[in-house]
């Protein structure tokens, strides 16, 4: 809840706590094998800000049971995450509606 231009009310500590709770929920779902695919959109940000421990992320993903796919998006992925990943892609914008003044769209940009 504490990232982007549409930040929710609260202090940084509140957002950090929300990120930590979100990561705990992901860990619960991985352990329970609730999903075959999890997409952690823009997850590199709370990792980079120190809100979620990178060593815990790498260890959790490496030890996940079953055959679950986890997609993590965001800029400046930590080197430990890159090293642990099976697939890493860098994307570059060619054209975006925001360039023409279109505001972000719910369900697309957030």
Protein backbone atom coordinates (compact mmCIF):
# COMPACT_ATOMS: atom_id res chain seq x y z
CA UNK A 1 0.00 0.00 0.00
CA UNK A 2 2.98 2.30 0.25
CA UNK A 3 4.31 2.57 -3.26
CA UNK A 4 3.48 4.61 -6.34
CA UNK A 5 1.76 7.87 -7.01
CA UNK A 6 -1.47 6.59 -5.40
CA UNK A 7 -0.03 5.91 -1.97
CA UNK A 8 -2.56 5.10 0.72
CA UNK A 9 -2.76 7.14 3.90
CA UNK A 10 -0.24 6.37 6.60
CA UNK A 11 3.41 6.69 7.46
CA UNK A 12 6.29 4.73 5.97
CA UNK A 13 6.20 2.37 8.95
CA UNK A 14 2.57 1.55 8.14
CA UNK A 15 3.44 0.76 4.53
CA UNK A 16 6.45 -1.30 5.63
CA UNK A 17 4.22 -3.30 7.97
CA UNK A 18 1.71 -3.87 5.16
CA UNK A 19 4.48 -5.08 2.85
CA UNK A 20 5.79 -7.45 5.52
CA UNK A 21 2.29 -8.84 6.11
CA UNK A 22 1.82 -9.24 2.35
CA UNK A 23 5.06 -11.23 2.16
CA UNK A 24 3.94 -13.42 5.09
CA UNK A 25 0.71 -14.13 3.18
CA UNK A 26 2.67 -15.09 0.06
CA UNK A 27 4.81 -17.44 2.17
CA UNK A 28 1.65 -19.03 3.60
CA UNK A 29 0.20 -19.54 0.12
CA UNK A 30 3.45 -21.00 -1.19
CA UNK A 31 3.66 -23.43 1.72
CA UNK A 32 0.03 -24.45 1.27
CA UNK A 33 0.49 -24.74 -2.51
CA UNK A 34 -2.65 -22.66 -2.90
CA UNK A 35 -1.75 -21.45 -6.40
CA UNK A 36 0.19 -22.74 -9.38
CA UNK A 37 1.15 -19.19 -10.38
CA UNK A 38 1.80 -16.15 -8.22
CA UNK A 39 2.56 -12.75 -9.73
CA UNK A 40 4.28 -10.38 -7.31
CA UNK A 41 3.87 -7.17 -9.28
CA UNK A 42 6.42 -4.45 -8.51
CA UNK A 43 7.77 -6.63 -5.69
CA UNK A 44 11.34 -5.45 -6.24
CA UNK A 45 10.44 -2.12 -4.63
CA UNK A 46 9.65 -3.33 -1.09
CA UNK A 47 12.72 -5.55 -1.34
CA UNK A 48 14.93 -2.64 -2.42
CA UNK A 49 13.52 -0.43 0.34
CA UNK A 50 14.38 -3.10 2.93
CA UNK A 51 10.75 -3.74 3.78
CA UNK A 52 11.05 -7.40 2.77
CA UNK A 53 14.30 -9.29 3.42
CA UNK A 54 15.94 -10.46 0.18
CA UNK A 55 17.60 -13.45 1.84
CA UNK A 56 14.20 -14.61 3.13
CA UNK A 57 12.71 -14.16 -0.36
CA UNK A 58 15.44 -16.17 -2.07
CA UNK A 59 15.36 -18.92 0.57
CA UNK A 60 11.56 -19.13 0.50
CA UNK A 61 11.41 -19.34 -3.27
CA UNK A 62 14.19 -21.93 -3.43
CA UNK A 63 12.47 -24.12 -0.82
CA UNK A 64 8.91 -23.83 -2.10
CA UNK A 65 7.16 -27.17 -2.36
CA UNK A 66 5.62 -28.54 -5.50
CA UNK A 67 5.95 -26.89 -8.86
CA UNK A 68 4.74 -23.34 -8.39
CA UNK A 69 5.64 -20.54 -10.76
CA UNK A 70 6.42 -17.16 -9.18
CA UNK A 71 6.76 -14.07 -11.36
CA UNK A 72 8.32 -11.00 -9.77
CA UNK A 73 8.22 -7.67 -11.55
CA UNK A 74 9.87 -4.32 -10.91
CA UNK A 75 13.01 -2.38 -11.62
CA UNK A 76 16.48 -2.87 -10.15
CA UNK A 77 16.04 -6.46 -9.03
CA UNK A 78 18.51 -7.40 -6.31
CA UNK A 79 21.44 -9.43 -7.63
CA UNK A 80 20.57 -12.29 -5.27
CA UNK A 81 17.11 -12.48 -6.80
CA UNK A 82 18.52 -12.38 -10.33
CA UNK A 83 21.00 -15.15 -9.48
CA UNK A 84 18.26 -17.35 -8.03
CA UNK A 85 15.81 -16.81 -10.90
CA UNK A 86 15.31 -19.24 -13.76
CA UNK A 87 14.33 -16.46 -16.17
CA UNK A 88 15.17 -12.75 -16.10
CA UNK A 89 13.87 -10.26 -18.64
CA UNK A 90 14.57 -6.57 -19.09
CA UNK A 91 11.86 -4.55 -20.78
CA UNK A 92 12.10 -1.15 -22.36
CA UNK A 93 9.20 1.13 -23.15
CA UNK A 94 8.76 2.02 -26.82
CA UNK A 95 5.40 3.76 -26.48
CA UNK A 96 2.92 4.23 -23.64
CA UNK A 97 -0.49 5.95 -23.40
CA UNK A 98 0.84 8.11 -20.55
CA UNK A 99 3.16 9.75 -23.10
CA UNK A 100 0.03 11.22 -24.68
CA UNK A 101 -1.37 12.37 -21.33
CA UNK A 102 -3.62 9.40 -20.59
CA UNK A 103 -3.83 8.73 -16.87
CA UNK A 104 -3.16 5.32 -15.39
CA UNK A 105 -5.99 2.86 -15.74
CA UNK A 106 -7.29 0.71 -12.92
CA UNK A 107 -6.55 -2.92 -13.71
CA UNK A 108 -3.71 -1.98 -16.05
CA UNK A 109 -1.28 0.31 -14.21
CA UNK A 110 -2.58 -0.58 -10.75
